[in-house]
Amino acid sequence: MVRIGNDWDELLKDEFETPRYLALRQFLIQEYRTATVYPAAADLFNALKATPYQCVRAVILGQDPYHGPSQAHGMCFSVQRGVRTPPSLVNIYKELNLEFGYPIPDHGNLEAWAKEGVLLLNTILSVRAGSPMSHVGKGWEDLTDAIILKLAQRETPMVFLLWGAAAGKKAPLIEGHGHLILRTVHPSPLSAHRGFLGCDHFKKANAFLKAHGQGEINWQIV
C-alpha cells in the first residue's frame, strides 16, 4: 500500500495496517479526488524516502505542509526550487548566517540536509490548498508520533530540533532516551526575534554529534 523503499518499510508496516491509518487513506483518496491537496500524493513520504531510519542524525519537526501552489514537496520547511523562499525559512537561513557565516541561499530546497541525515518531518503530511491545518485530526498524528517514538527508541544518539509550541509538544515522546532536544520559538517572522535568532541550535547539534562519535552535519545550502 505504501512503498518507501528503505528500512522505514519494515519499521512502519504495522502502522500502515492500523484502522486509523486505513481511515486516513480513505479520507486522502477522497480529498485528492475532490480538492487541491499539497503535496502531490507521490511526495507525501519524501522525508522518509530521502532519509532512512538508520541514517537519521537529526530531526526537524514541522507542523503541516505549505498550502500554496508548487511549494510543498514532502519535507518540512523546504520548497521546490524556483519557488520564493518562505519567511520562516529565510529566518532559518539568517540563523545559519549568524552561526557559520553562510551566505543566504537563492532557493528554499533543503534536500541536501536530508542527504546529510536530517529528517525533515511534518507532523501532518498533507493540507488542502489555501487552508492551513485542514488535515489535522485525520490520522496523520498517530503515524508521525509512531515515527518519532521509533527514532527516540533507537540506541544511537541523535538531535531533535523542536521549533515552536506544536513541535515542543512532542518532547515527551523523546525524553529519557539519551538524545539531545533543542527547543525554541518558531522561526516565523512573528516569533523568530524572541529566541530563534541567536539560538545556536545548528552548532549545538554538531557539538553533540561530534561528542558522541558521529560526523558533524554540513548545514550549508548552496
N, C-alpha and C. Protein backbone atom coordinates (compact mmCIF):
# COMPACT_ATOMS: atom_id res chain seq x y z
N MET A 1 0.83 -1.21 0.00
CA MET A 1 0.00 0.00 0.00
C MET A 1 0.86 1.25 0.00
N VAL A 2 1.84 1.29 0.91
CA VAL A 2 2.82 2.38 0.94
C VAL A 2 4.18 1.76 0.72
N ARG A 3 4.92 2.28 -0.23
CA ARG A 3 6.25 1.76 -0.53
C ARG A 3 7.24 2.91 -0.42
N ILE A 4 8.06 2.88 0.64
CA ILE A 4 9.04 3.94 0.87
C ILE A 4 10.37 3.59 0.20
N GLY A 5 10.77 2.33 0.28
CA GLY A 5 11.96 1.91 -0.44
C GLY A 5 13.22 1.83 0.39
N ASN A 6 13.08 1.86 1.71
CA ASN A 6 14.24 1.70 2.59
C ASN A 6 13.78 1.04 3.89
N ASP A 7 14.58 1.15 4.96
CA ASP A 7 14.28 0.44 6.20
C ASP A 7 13.00 0.91 6.89
N TRP A 8 12.47 2.08 6.51
CA TRP A 8 11.20 2.52 7.08
C TRP A 8 10.06 1.56 6.73
N ASP A 9 10.14 0.87 5.60
CA ASP A 9 9.06 -0.03 5.21
C ASP A 9 8.81 -1.10 6.27
N GLU A 10 9.86 -1.74 6.72
CA GLU A 10 9.71 -2.79 7.74
C GLU A 10 9.29 -2.19 9.07
N LEU A 11 9.87 -1.06 9.43
CA LEU A 11 9.57 -0.44 10.72
C LEU A 11 8.12 0.02 10.82
N LEU A 12 7.54 0.44 9.71
CA LEU A 12 6.20 1.04 9.75
C LEU A 12 5.11 0.15 9.17
N LYS A 13 5.44 -1.08 8.81
CA LYS A 13 4.44 -1.90 8.12
C LYS A 13 3.19 -2.11 8.98
N ASP A 14 3.36 -2.29 10.28
CA ASP A 14 2.18 -2.47 11.14
C ASP A 14 1.37 -1.18 11.26
N GLU A 15 2.07 -0.04 11.26
CA GLU A 15 1.37 1.25 11.35
C GLU A 15 0.47 1.48 10.13
N PHE A 16 0.95 1.03 8.97
CA PHE A 16 0.18 1.24 7.75
C PHE A 16 -1.02 0.29 7.63
N GLU A 17 -1.18 -0.60 8.60
CA GLU A 17 -2.30 -1.53 8.59
C GLU A 17 -3.30 -1.25 9.71
N THR A 18 -3.07 -0.21 10.49
CA THR A 18 -3.99 0.10 11.59
C THR A 18 -5.30 0.67 11.05
N PRO A 19 -6.39 0.47 11.75
CA PRO A 19 -7.66 1.06 11.32
C PRO A 19 -7.58 2.58 11.17
N ARG A 20 -6.82 3.24 12.04
CA ARG A 20 -6.69 4.69 11.97
C ARG A 20 -6.02 5.10 10.66
N TYR A 21 -4.95 4.41 10.27
CA TYR A 21 -4.28 4.77 9.02
C TYR A 21 -5.16 4.43 7.81
N LEU A 22 -5.84 3.29 7.86
CA LEU A 22 -6.70 2.91 6.73
C LEU A 22 -7.83 3.92 6.55
N ALA A 23 -8.33 4.47 7.66
CA ALA A 23 -9.35 5.52 7.56
C ALA A 23 -8.75 6.80 6.98
N LEU A 24 -7.53 7.12 7.39
CA LEU A 24 -6.83 8.28 6.82
C LEU A 24 -6.65 8.10 5.32
N ARG A 25 -6.27 6.91 4.92
CA ARG A 25 -6.06 6.64 3.49
C ARG A 25 -7.34 6.89 2.69
N GLN A 26 -8.46 6.43 3.20
CA GLN A 26 -9.72 6.66 2.50
C GLN A 26 -10.08 8.14 2.44
N PHE A 27 -9.81 8.84 3.53
CA PHE A 27 -10.02 10.29 3.56
C PHE A 27 -9.16 10.98 2.50
N LEU A 28 -7.90 10.57 2.39
CA LEU A 28 -7.00 11.20 1.42
C LEU A 28 -7.41 10.91 -0.01
N ILE A 29 -7.85 9.68 -0.28
CA ILE A 29 -8.31 9.35 -1.62
C ILE A 29 -9.43 10.31 -2.04
N GLN A 30 -10.37 10.54 -1.13
CA GLN A 30 -11.47 11.44 -1.43
C GLN A 30 -10.99 12.88 -1.57
N GLU A 31 -10.08 13.31 -0.70
CA GLU A 31 -9.57 14.68 -0.76
C GLU A 31 -8.83 14.95 -2.07
N TYR A 32 -7.97 14.04 -2.47
CA TYR A 32 -7.23 14.25 -3.71
C TYR A 32 -8.15 14.21 -4.93
N ARG A 33 -9.25 13.51 -4.83
CA ARG A 33 -10.21 13.46 -5.94
C ARG A 33 -11.02 14.74 -6.06
N THR A 34 -11.33 15.35 -4.93
CA THR A 34 -12.34 16.42 -4.93
C THR A 34 -11.78 17.80 -4.60
N ALA A 35 -10.53 17.90 -4.17
CA ALA A 35 -9.95 19.18 -3.78
C ALA A 35 -8.50 19.24 -4.24
N THR A 36 -7.91 20.42 -4.15
CA THR A 36 -6.48 20.56 -4.40
C THR A 36 -5.76 20.34 -3.08
N VAL A 37 -4.87 19.36 -3.06
CA VAL A 37 -4.17 18.97 -1.83
C VAL A 37 -2.68 19.02 -2.09
N TYR A 38 -1.94 19.49 -1.10
CA TYR A 38 -0.48 19.52 -1.18
C TYR A 38 0.12 18.67 -0.07
N PRO A 39 1.29 18.04 -0.33
CA PRO A 39 1.98 17.96 -1.62
C PRO A 39 1.27 16.97 -2.55
N ALA A 40 1.83 16.77 -3.72
CA ALA A 40 1.32 15.71 -4.61
C ALA A 40 1.36 14.38 -3.86
N ALA A 41 0.40 13.51 -4.15
CA ALA A 41 0.32 12.24 -3.42
C ALA A 41 1.63 11.46 -3.47
N ALA A 42 2.32 11.53 -4.59
CA ALA A 42 3.59 10.79 -4.73
C ALA A 42 4.68 11.34 -3.82
N ASP A 43 4.49 12.56 -3.30
CA ASP A 43 5.52 13.20 -2.47
C ASP A 43 5.23 13.13 -0.97
N LEU A 44 4.13 12.50 -0.57
CA LEU A 44 3.72 12.52 0.83
C LEU A 44 4.82 12.02 1.77
N PHE A 45 5.56 10.99 1.35
CA PHE A 45 6.54 10.37 2.23
C PHE A 45 7.98 10.67 1.81
N ASN A 46 8.18 11.79 1.13
CA ASN A 46 9.52 12.11 0.64
C ASN A 46 10.55 12.24 1.76
N ALA A 47 10.15 12.74 2.92
CA ALA A 47 11.10 12.87 4.03
C ALA A 47 11.66 11.51 4.42
N LEU A 48 10.79 10.51 4.51
CA LEU A 48 11.23 9.17 4.87
C LEU A 48 12.03 8.52 3.74
N LYS A 49 11.62 8.78 2.51
CA LYS A 49 12.35 8.22 1.36
C LYS A 49 13.78 8.75 1.30
N ALA A 50 13.94 10.03 1.63
CA ALA A 50 15.24 10.67 1.48
C ALA A 50 16.19 10.37 2.64
N THR A 51 15.63 10.03 3.81
CA THR A 51 16.47 9.82 5.00
C THR A 51 16.07 8.52 5.69
N PRO A 52 16.74 7.42 5.36
CA PRO A 52 16.43 6.14 6.01
C PRO A 52 16.61 6.22 7.53
N TYR A 53 15.88 5.38 8.22
CA TYR A 53 15.91 5.34 9.68
C TYR A 53 17.33 5.27 10.24
N GLN A 54 18.13 4.36 9.71
CA GLN A 54 19.47 4.17 10.25
C GLN A 54 20.41 5.32 9.92
N CYS A 55 20.01 6.20 9.02
CA CYS A 55 20.86 7.32 8.64
C CYS A 55 20.52 8.61 9.38
N VAL A 56 19.43 8.61 10.16
CA VAL A 56 19.00 9.85 10.81
C VAL A 56 19.99 10.27 11.87
N ARG A 57 20.45 11.51 11.76
CA ARG A 57 21.31 12.09 12.79
C ARG A 57 20.63 13.25 13.51
N ALA A 58 19.68 13.89 12.82
CA ALA A 58 18.94 15.00 13.41
C ALA A 58 17.52 14.97 12.84
N VAL A 59 16.58 15.45 13.63
CA VAL A 59 15.18 15.53 13.22
C VAL A 59 14.71 16.96 13.42
N ILE A 60 14.16 17.55 12.36
CA ILE A 60 13.48 18.84 12.49
C ILE A 60 11.99 18.56 12.30
N LEU A 61 11.20 18.97 13.28
CA LEU A 61 9.76 18.73 13.23
C LEU A 61 9.03 20.00 12.78
N GLY A 62 8.24 19.85 11.74
CA GLY A 62 7.37 20.93 11.30
C GLY A 62 5.94 20.60 11.67
N GLN A 63 5.01 21.44 11.23
CA GLN A 63 3.61 21.26 11.58
C GLN A 63 2.86 20.59 10.43
N ASP A 64 2.40 21.38 9.46
CA ASP A 64 1.80 20.78 8.26
C ASP A 64 2.40 21.44 7.03
N PRO A 65 2.20 20.89 5.85
CA PRO A 65 2.88 21.41 4.66
C PRO A 65 2.46 22.82 4.29
N TYR A 66 3.30 23.49 3.52
CA TYR A 66 2.91 24.77 2.91
C TYR A 66 1.65 24.55 2.07
N HIS A 67 0.76 25.55 2.06
CA HIS A 67 -0.53 25.36 1.41
C HIS A 67 -0.69 26.18 0.13
N GLY A 68 0.44 26.72 -0.39
CA GLY A 68 0.40 27.46 -1.64
C GLY A 68 0.87 26.62 -2.82
N PRO A 69 0.57 27.04 -4.03
CA PRO A 69 0.93 26.28 -5.23
C PRO A 69 2.43 26.04 -5.35
N SER A 70 2.78 24.80 -5.68
CA SER A 70 4.16 24.40 -6.01
C SER A 70 5.14 24.50 -4.85
N GLN A 71 4.67 24.74 -3.64
CA GLN A 71 5.58 24.88 -2.50
C GLN A 71 5.97 23.53 -1.89
N ALA A 72 4.99 22.84 -1.33
CA ALA A 72 5.27 21.63 -0.55
C ALA A 72 5.74 20.49 -1.44
N HIS A 73 6.75 19.76 -0.95
CA HIS A 73 7.19 18.56 -1.66
C HIS A 73 7.58 17.45 -0.69
N GLY A 74 6.97 17.47 0.49
CA GLY A 74 7.13 16.35 1.42
C GLY A 74 8.22 16.48 2.45
N MET A 75 8.81 17.65 2.60
CA MET A 75 9.84 17.88 3.61
C MET A 75 9.55 19.19 4.32
N CYS A 76 9.55 19.18 5.63
CA CYS A 76 9.17 20.38 6.37
C CYS A 76 10.13 21.53 6.09
N PHE A 77 9.60 22.72 6.02
CA PHE A 77 10.29 23.99 5.78
C PHE A 77 10.86 24.12 4.37
N SER A 78 10.95 23.03 3.62
CA SER A 78 11.56 23.04 2.29
C SER A 78 10.52 23.34 1.22
N VAL A 79 10.96 24.03 0.16
CA VAL A 79 10.11 24.26 -1.01
C VAL A 79 10.86 23.87 -2.27
N GLN A 80 10.11 23.69 -3.32
CA GLN A 80 10.71 23.36 -4.60
C GLN A 80 11.59 24.51 -5.10
N ARG A 81 12.62 24.16 -5.83
CA ARG A 81 13.44 25.19 -6.48
C ARG A 81 12.57 26.02 -7.43
N GLY A 82 12.86 27.29 -7.50
CA GLY A 82 12.08 28.19 -8.33
C GLY A 82 10.92 28.82 -7.61
N VAL A 83 10.63 28.38 -6.38
CA VAL A 83 9.57 28.94 -5.56
C VAL A 83 10.20 29.91 -4.56
N ARG A 84 9.55 31.03 -4.34
CA ARG A 84 10.07 32.02 -3.40
C ARG A 84 10.28 31.40 -2.02
N THR A 85 11.42 31.68 -1.41
CA THR A 85 11.73 31.14 -0.10
C THR A 85 10.77 31.69 0.95
N PRO A 86 10.04 30.84 1.68
CA PRO A 86 9.08 31.32 2.67
C PRO A 86 9.77 32.06 3.82
N PRO A 87 9.06 32.97 4.47
CA PRO A 87 9.66 33.80 5.53
C PRO A 87 10.30 33.00 6.66
N SER A 88 9.69 31.90 7.09
CA SER A 88 10.27 31.11 8.17
C SER A 88 11.62 30.52 7.75
N LEU A 89 11.69 30.07 6.53
CA LEU A 89 12.95 29.51 6.04
C LEU A 89 14.00 30.60 5.87
N VAL A 90 13.58 31.80 5.47
CA VAL A 90 14.52 32.93 5.42
C VAL A 90 15.16 33.13 6.79
N ASN A 91 14.36 33.04 7.86
CA ASN A 91 14.91 33.21 9.20
C ASN A 91 15.83 32.05 9.60
N ILE A 92 15.53 30.85 9.13
CA ILE A 92 16.44 29.73 9.36
C ILE A 92 17.78 30.01 8.68
N TYR A 93 17.73 30.52 7.46
CA TYR A 93 18.96 30.88 6.76
C TYR A 93 19.71 32.01 7.49
N LYS A 94 18.96 32.95 8.06
CA LYS A 94 19.60 34.03 8.82
C LYS A 94 20.34 33.48 10.03
N GLU A 95 19.74 32.49 10.69
CA GLU A 95 20.39 31.88 11.85
C GLU A 95 21.66 31.13 11.43
N LEU A 96 21.61 30.45 10.30
CA LEU A 96 22.82 29.78 9.79
C LEU A 96 23.91 30.80 9.47
N ASN A 97 23.50 31.95 8.96
CA ASN A 97 24.47 33.01 8.69
C ASN A 97 25.09 33.52 9.98
N LEU A 98 24.27 33.68 11.02
CA LEU A 98 24.79 34.13 12.32
C LEU A 98 25.78 33.12 12.90
N GLU A 99 25.47 31.84 12.77
CA GLU A 99 26.30 30.80 13.40
C GLU A 99 27.56 30.49 12.61
N PHE A 100 27.43 30.39 11.28
CA PHE A 100 28.54 29.92 10.46
C PHE A 100 29.03 30.92 9.43
N GLY A 101 28.28 32.01 9.24
CA GLY A 101 28.63 32.96 8.19
C GLY A 101 28.22 32.51 6.80
N TYR A 102 27.38 31.48 6.71
CA TYR A 102 26.94 31.03 5.39
C TYR A 102 26.14 32.11 4.67
N PRO A 103 26.36 32.30 3.38
CA PRO A 103 25.53 33.23 2.63
C PRO A 103 24.10 32.73 2.53
N ILE A 104 23.16 33.65 2.39
CA ILE A 104 21.75 33.28 2.26
C ILE A 104 21.54 32.63 0.88
N PRO A 105 21.05 31.40 0.82
CA PRO A 105 20.85 30.74 -0.48
C PRO A 105 19.78 31.45 -1.31
N ASP A 106 19.82 31.19 -2.61
CA ASP A 106 18.83 31.81 -3.51
C ASP A 106 17.66 30.88 -3.80
N HIS A 107 17.52 29.83 -3.01
CA HIS A 107 16.40 28.90 -3.16
C HIS A 107 16.08 28.31 -1.79
N GLY A 108 14.94 27.59 -1.72
CA GLY A 108 14.50 27.06 -0.44
C GLY A 108 14.43 25.54 -0.38
N ASN A 109 15.18 24.87 -1.23
CA ASN A 109 15.14 23.41 -1.25
C ASN A 109 16.17 22.83 -0.27
N LEU A 110 15.69 22.02 0.67
CA LEU A 110 16.53 21.51 1.75
C LEU A 110 16.90 20.04 1.58
N GLU A 111 16.78 19.52 0.36
CA GLU A 111 17.09 18.11 0.15
C GLU A 111 18.53 17.77 0.53
N ALA A 112 19.44 18.72 0.45
CA ALA A 112 20.83 18.46 0.85
C ALA A 112 20.90 18.09 2.32
N TRP A 113 20.06 18.68 3.15
CA TRP A 113 20.02 18.30 4.57
C TRP A 113 19.56 16.86 4.73
N ALA A 114 18.54 16.48 3.98
CA ALA A 114 18.03 15.11 4.06
C ALA A 114 19.14 14.11 3.76
N LYS A 115 19.99 14.43 2.79
CA LYS A 115 21.10 13.54 2.44
C LYS A 115 22.17 13.52 3.52
N GLU A 116 22.19 14.55 4.37
CA GLU A 116 23.13 14.61 5.50
C GLU A 116 22.60 13.87 6.73
N GLY A 117 21.40 13.32 6.62
CA GLY A 117 20.83 12.61 7.75
C GLY A 117 19.89 13.44 8.60
N VAL A 118 19.34 14.52 8.02
CA VAL A 118 18.37 15.36 8.73
C VAL A 118 16.97 14.98 8.25
N LEU A 119 16.18 14.39 9.14
CA LEU A 119 14.81 14.03 8.78
C LEU A 119 13.93 15.26 8.92
N LEU A 120 13.35 15.69 7.81
CA LEU A 120 12.55 16.91 7.75
C LEU A 120 11.08 16.51 7.80
N LEU A 121 10.58 16.26 9.01
CA LEU A 121 9.29 15.62 9.20
C LEU A 121 8.22 16.60 9.66
N ASN A 122 7.19 16.77 8.86
CA ASN A 122 5.98 17.44 9.35
C ASN A 122 5.18 16.45 10.19
N THR A 123 4.45 16.95 11.19
CA THR A 123 3.62 16.05 11.98
C THR A 123 2.28 15.76 11.29
N ILE A 124 1.89 16.62 10.36
CA ILE A 124 0.75 16.40 9.47
C ILE A 124 1.32 16.44 8.06
N LEU A 125 1.04 15.42 7.25
CA LEU A 125 1.76 15.31 5.97
C LEU A 125 1.00 15.81 4.76
N SER A 126 -0.20 16.34 4.95
CA SER A 126 -0.96 16.86 3.82
C SER A 126 -1.81 18.04 4.26
N VAL A 127 -2.28 18.81 3.28
CA VAL A 127 -3.08 20.00 3.57
C VAL A 127 -3.88 20.38 2.33
N ARG A 128 -5.08 20.92 2.54
CA ARG A 128 -5.84 21.48 1.42
C ARG A 128 -5.23 22.81 1.00
N ALA A 129 -5.27 23.09 -0.29
CA ALA A 129 -4.76 24.36 -0.81
C ALA A 129 -5.44 25.52 -0.09
N GLY A 130 -4.62 26.46 0.38
CA GLY A 130 -5.14 27.67 0.98
C GLY A 130 -5.81 27.49 2.32
N SER A 131 -5.65 26.31 2.94
CA SER A 131 -6.36 26.02 4.19
C SER A 131 -5.44 25.34 5.19
N PRO A 132 -4.56 26.12 5.84
CA PRO A 132 -3.61 25.53 6.78
C PRO A 132 -4.30 24.75 7.88
N MET A 133 -3.66 23.64 8.28
CA MET A 133 -4.13 22.76 9.36
C MET A 133 -5.45 22.06 9.02
N SER A 134 -5.81 22.02 7.76
CA SER A 134 -7.09 21.42 7.37
C SER A 134 -7.11 19.90 7.50
N HIS A 135 -5.95 19.26 7.61
CA HIS A 135 -5.91 17.80 7.75
C HIS A 135 -5.49 17.38 9.15
N VAL A 136 -5.62 18.27 10.10
CA VAL A 136 -5.38 17.94 11.50
C VAL A 136 -6.48 17.00 11.99
N GLY A 137 -6.11 16.02 12.80
CA GLY A 137 -7.09 15.14 13.40
C GLY A 137 -7.64 14.07 12.47
N LYS A 138 -6.99 13.87 11.35
CA LYS A 138 -7.47 12.88 10.38
C LYS A 138 -6.71 11.55 10.47
N GLY A 139 -5.66 11.51 11.29
CA GLY A 139 -4.91 10.27 11.46
C GLY A 139 -3.41 10.39 11.28
N TRP A 140 -2.95 11.48 10.68
CA TRP A 140 -1.52 11.66 10.49
C TRP A 140 -0.77 11.67 11.82
N GLU A 141 -1.38 12.24 12.86
CA GLU A 141 -0.68 12.38 14.14
C GLU A 141 -0.26 11.02 14.71
N ASP A 142 -1.13 10.00 14.56
CA ASP A 142 -0.78 8.68 15.06
C ASP A 142 0.46 8.14 14.35
N LEU A 143 0.50 8.31 13.04
CA LEU A 143 1.63 7.79 12.27
C LEU A 143 2.91 8.55 12.60
N THR A 144 2.85 9.86 12.62
CA THR A 144 4.09 10.61 12.85
C THR A 144 4.56 10.49 14.31
N ASP A 145 3.63 10.33 15.25
CA ASP A 145 4.05 10.04 16.62
C ASP A 145 4.78 8.70 16.69
N ALA A 146 4.29 7.72 15.95
CA ALA A 146 4.96 6.41 15.91
C ALA A 146 6.36 6.54 15.32
N ILE A 147 6.51 7.37 14.30
CA ILE A 147 7.83 7.60 13.70
C ILE A 147 8.77 8.23 14.73
N ILE A 148 8.27 9.25 15.43
CA ILE A 148 9.10 9.93 16.44
C ILE A 148 9.50 8.95 17.53
N LEU A 149 8.56 8.11 17.97
CA LEU A 149 8.86 7.13 19.02
C LEU A 149 9.91 6.12 18.57
N LYS A 150 9.79 5.66 17.34
CA LYS A 150 10.77 4.70 16.85
C LYS A 150 12.16 5.32 16.78
N LEU A 151 12.24 6.58 16.43
CA LEU A 151 13.53 7.27 16.43
C LEU A 151 14.04 7.44 17.85
N ALA A 152 13.15 7.84 18.76
CA ALA A 152 13.56 8.05 20.16
C ALA A 152 14.09 6.77 20.77
N GLN A 153 13.55 5.63 20.36
CA GLN A 153 13.95 4.35 20.93
C GLN A 153 15.21 3.79 20.29
N ARG A 154 15.70 4.45 19.26
CA ARG A 154 16.94 3.99 18.63
C ARG A 154 18.12 4.26 19.54
N GLU A 155 19.04 3.32 19.60
CA GLU A 155 20.15 3.43 20.55
C GLU A 155 21.12 4.55 20.20
N THR A 156 21.40 4.74 18.93
CA THR A 156 22.36 5.76 18.52
C THR A 156 21.80 7.15 18.82
N PRO A 157 22.54 7.99 19.56
CA PRO A 157 22.03 9.32 19.90
C PRO A 157 21.84 10.19 18.67
N MET A 158 20.80 11.01 18.72
CA MET A 158 20.54 11.97 17.65
C MET A 158 20.03 13.26 18.27
N VAL A 159 19.78 14.24 17.41
CA VAL A 159 19.34 15.56 17.86
C VAL A 159 17.93 15.81 17.35
N PHE A 160 17.06 16.29 18.22
CA PHE A 160 15.72 16.70 17.84
C PHE A 160 15.61 18.21 17.98
N LEU A 161 15.32 18.89 16.88
CA LEU A 161 15.17 20.34 16.88
C LEU A 161 13.68 20.66 16.85
N LEU A 162 13.18 21.17 17.97
CA LEU A 162 11.75 21.42 18.14
C LEU A 162 11.54 22.93 18.20
N TRP A 163 11.03 23.47 17.12
CA TRP A 163 10.85 24.92 17.00
C TRP A 163 9.37 25.26 17.03
N GLY A 164 8.96 25.96 18.06
CA GLY A 164 7.57 26.35 18.18
C GLY A 164 6.80 25.44 19.13
N ALA A 165 5.63 25.91 19.53
CA ALA A 165 4.83 25.21 20.54
C ALA A 165 4.38 23.83 20.05
N ALA A 166 3.95 23.73 18.80
CA ALA A 166 3.45 22.45 18.30
C ALA A 166 4.55 21.39 18.32
N ALA A 167 5.74 21.74 17.85
CA ALA A 167 6.85 20.79 17.87
C ALA A 167 7.26 20.47 19.30
N GLY A 168 7.24 21.48 20.16
CA GLY A 168 7.63 21.28 21.56
C GLY A 168 6.77 20.27 22.28
N LYS A 169 5.52 20.13 21.85
CA LYS A 169 4.62 19.17 22.49
C LYS A 169 5.04 17.72 22.26
N LYS A 170 5.93 17.50 21.31
CA LYS A 170 6.40 16.14 21.02
C LYS A 170 7.56 15.73 21.93
N ALA A 171 8.08 16.65 22.73
CA ALA A 171 9.22 16.34 23.60
C ALA A 171 9.00 15.13 24.49
N PRO A 172 7.80 14.95 25.11
CA PRO A 172 7.62 13.77 25.97
C PRO A 172 7.82 12.43 25.26
N LEU A 173 7.63 12.40 23.94
CA LEU A 173 7.88 11.17 23.19
C LEU A 173 9.36 10.84 23.11
N ILE A 174 10.20 11.85 23.31
CA ILE A 174 11.64 11.73 23.06
C ILE A 174 12.44 11.63 24.34
N GLU A 175 11.96 12.26 25.39
CA GLU A 175 12.73 12.39 26.63
C GLU A 175 13.07 11.03 27.24
N GLY A 176 14.23 10.98 27.89
CA GLY A 176 14.64 9.78 28.61
C GLY A 176 15.36 8.74 27.78
N HIS A 177 15.72 9.08 26.55
CA HIS A 177 16.38 8.12 25.67
C HIS A 177 17.81 8.52 25.29
N GLY A 178 18.32 9.58 25.91
CA GLY A 178 19.71 9.95 25.67
C GLY A 178 19.95 10.82 24.46
N HIS A 179 18.89 11.34 23.86
CA HIS A 179 19.04 12.22 22.71
C HIS A 179 19.08 13.68 23.16
N LEU A 180 19.59 14.53 22.30
CA LEU A 180 19.60 15.97 22.58
C LEU A 180 18.33 16.59 22.02
N ILE A 181 17.60 17.29 22.89
CA ILE A 181 16.40 18.01 22.47
C ILE A 181 16.69 19.51 22.53
N LEU A 182 16.58 20.17 21.41
CA LEU A 182 16.80 21.61 21.33
C LEU A 182 15.46 22.28 21.04
N ARG A 183 15.03 23.15 21.95
CA ARG A 183 13.72 23.78 21.83
C ARG A 183 13.86 25.29 21.81
N THR A 184 13.05 25.93 20.96
CA THR A 184 12.96 27.38 20.97
C THR A 184 11.66 27.75 20.24
N VAL A 185 11.46 29.06 20.06
CA VAL A 185 10.25 29.52 19.36
C VAL A 185 10.34 29.17 17.88
N HIS A 186 9.22 29.30 17.21
CA HIS A 186 9.15 29.02 15.78
C HIS A 186 9.92 30.10 15.00
N PRO A 187 10.55 29.73 13.88
CA PRO A 187 11.29 30.73 13.10
C PRO A 187 10.43 31.69 12.29
N SER A 188 9.13 31.67 12.46
CA SER A 188 8.28 32.59 11.70
C SER A 188 8.59 34.04 12.07
N PRO A 189 8.31 34.97 11.17
CA PRO A 189 8.57 36.40 11.47
C PRO A 189 7.86 36.89 12.73
N LEU A 190 6.80 36.23 13.14
CA LEU A 190 6.06 36.64 14.33
C LEU A 190 6.80 36.34 15.62
N SER A 191 7.72 35.36 15.57
CA SER A 191 8.35 34.93 16.82
C SER A 191 9.86 34.79 16.77
N ALA A 192 10.46 34.80 15.59
CA ALA A 192 11.88 34.47 15.46
C ALA A 192 12.78 35.34 16.34
N HIS A 193 12.39 36.61 16.52
CA HIS A 193 13.23 37.52 17.30
C HIS A 193 13.07 37.31 18.81
N ARG A 194 12.21 36.37 19.20
CA ARG A 194 12.02 36.08 20.62
C ARG A 194 12.79 34.84 21.06
N GLY A 195 13.80 34.47 20.31
CA GLY A 195 14.62 33.35 20.76
C GLY A 195 15.17 32.44 19.68
N PHE A 196 14.55 32.46 18.49
CA PHE A 196 15.10 31.60 17.44
C PHE A 196 16.42 32.16 16.92
N LEU A 197 16.40 33.43 16.54
CA LEU A 197 17.63 34.04 16.05
C LEU A 197 18.61 34.19 17.20
N GLY A 198 19.75 33.55 17.07
CA GLY A 198 20.74 33.53 18.14
C GLY A 198 20.69 32.27 19.00
N CYS A 199 19.87 31.29 18.60
CA CYS A 199 19.72 30.08 19.43
C CYS A 199 20.92 29.13 19.33
N ASP A 200 21.72 29.25 18.28
CA ASP A 200 22.89 28.39 18.08
C ASP A 200 22.55 26.90 17.99
N HIS A 201 21.35 26.57 17.55
CA HIS A 201 20.94 25.17 17.51
C HIS A 201 21.79 24.33 16.56
N PHE A 202 22.21 24.90 15.46
CA PHE A 202 22.97 24.12 14.48
C PHE A 202 24.37 23.78 15.02
N LYS A 203 24.99 24.72 15.67
CA LYS A 203 26.29 24.46 16.30
C LYS A 203 26.15 23.47 17.46
N LYS A 204 25.10 23.64 18.25
CA LYS A 204 24.87 22.73 19.38
C LYS A 204 24.61 21.31 18.90
N ALA A 205 23.88 21.19 17.81
CA ALA A 205 23.62 19.86 17.24
C ALA A 205 24.92 19.19 16.83
N ASN A 206 25.78 19.94 16.13
CA ASN A 206 27.04 19.36 15.68
C ASN A 206 27.96 19.03 16.83
N ALA A 207 27.98 19.86 17.87
CA ALA A 207 28.82 19.58 19.04
C ALA A 207 28.38 18.28 19.71
N PHE A 208 27.07 18.07 19.81
CA PHE A 208 26.55 16.85 20.41
C PHE A 208 26.91 15.63 19.56
N LEU A 209 26.72 15.73 18.27
CA LEU A 209 27.02 14.61 17.39
C LEU A 209 28.52 14.27 17.44
N LYS A 210 29.35 15.28 17.43
CA LYS A 210 30.80 15.05 17.49
C LYS A 210 31.18 14.40 18.81
N ALA A 211 30.57 14.85 19.90
CA ALA A 211 30.88 14.29 21.22
C ALA A 211 30.47 12.83 21.33
N HIS A 212 29.52 12.41 20.50
CA HIS A 212 29.05 11.04 20.53
C HIS A 212 29.59 10.21 19.36
N GLY A 213 30.71 10.67 18.81
CA GLY A 213 31.42 9.88 17.82
C GLY A 213 30.78 9.84 16.45
N GLN A 214 29.94 10.82 16.16
CA GLN A 214 29.31 10.88 14.85
C GLN A 214 29.82 12.10 14.08
N GLY A 215 29.72 12.03 12.79
CA GLY A 215 30.17 13.15 11.98
C GLY A 215 29.25 14.34 12.13
N GLU A 216 29.83 15.52 11.99
CA GLU A 216 29.03 16.74 12.02
C GLU A 216 28.21 16.87 10.73
N ILE A 217 27.09 17.55 10.84
CA ILE A 217 26.23 17.80 9.68
C ILE A 217 26.71 19.04 8.95
N ASN A 218 26.79 18.95 7.64
CA ASN A 218 27.07 20.14 6.83
C ASN A 218 25.74 20.84 6.59
N TRP A 219 25.53 21.95 7.30
CA TRP A 219 24.26 22.65 7.25
C TRP A 219 24.19 23.66 6.10
N GLN A 220 25.26 23.81 5.34
CA GLN A 220 25.24 24.81 4.28
C GLN A 220 24.39 24.36 3.09
N ILE A 221 23.50 25.24 2.66
CA ILE A 221 22.69 25.01 1.45
C ILE A 221 23.27 25.87 0.34
N VAL A 222 23.59 25.25 -0.78
CA VAL A 222 24.17 26.01 -1.89
C VAL A 222 23.30 25.85 -3.14
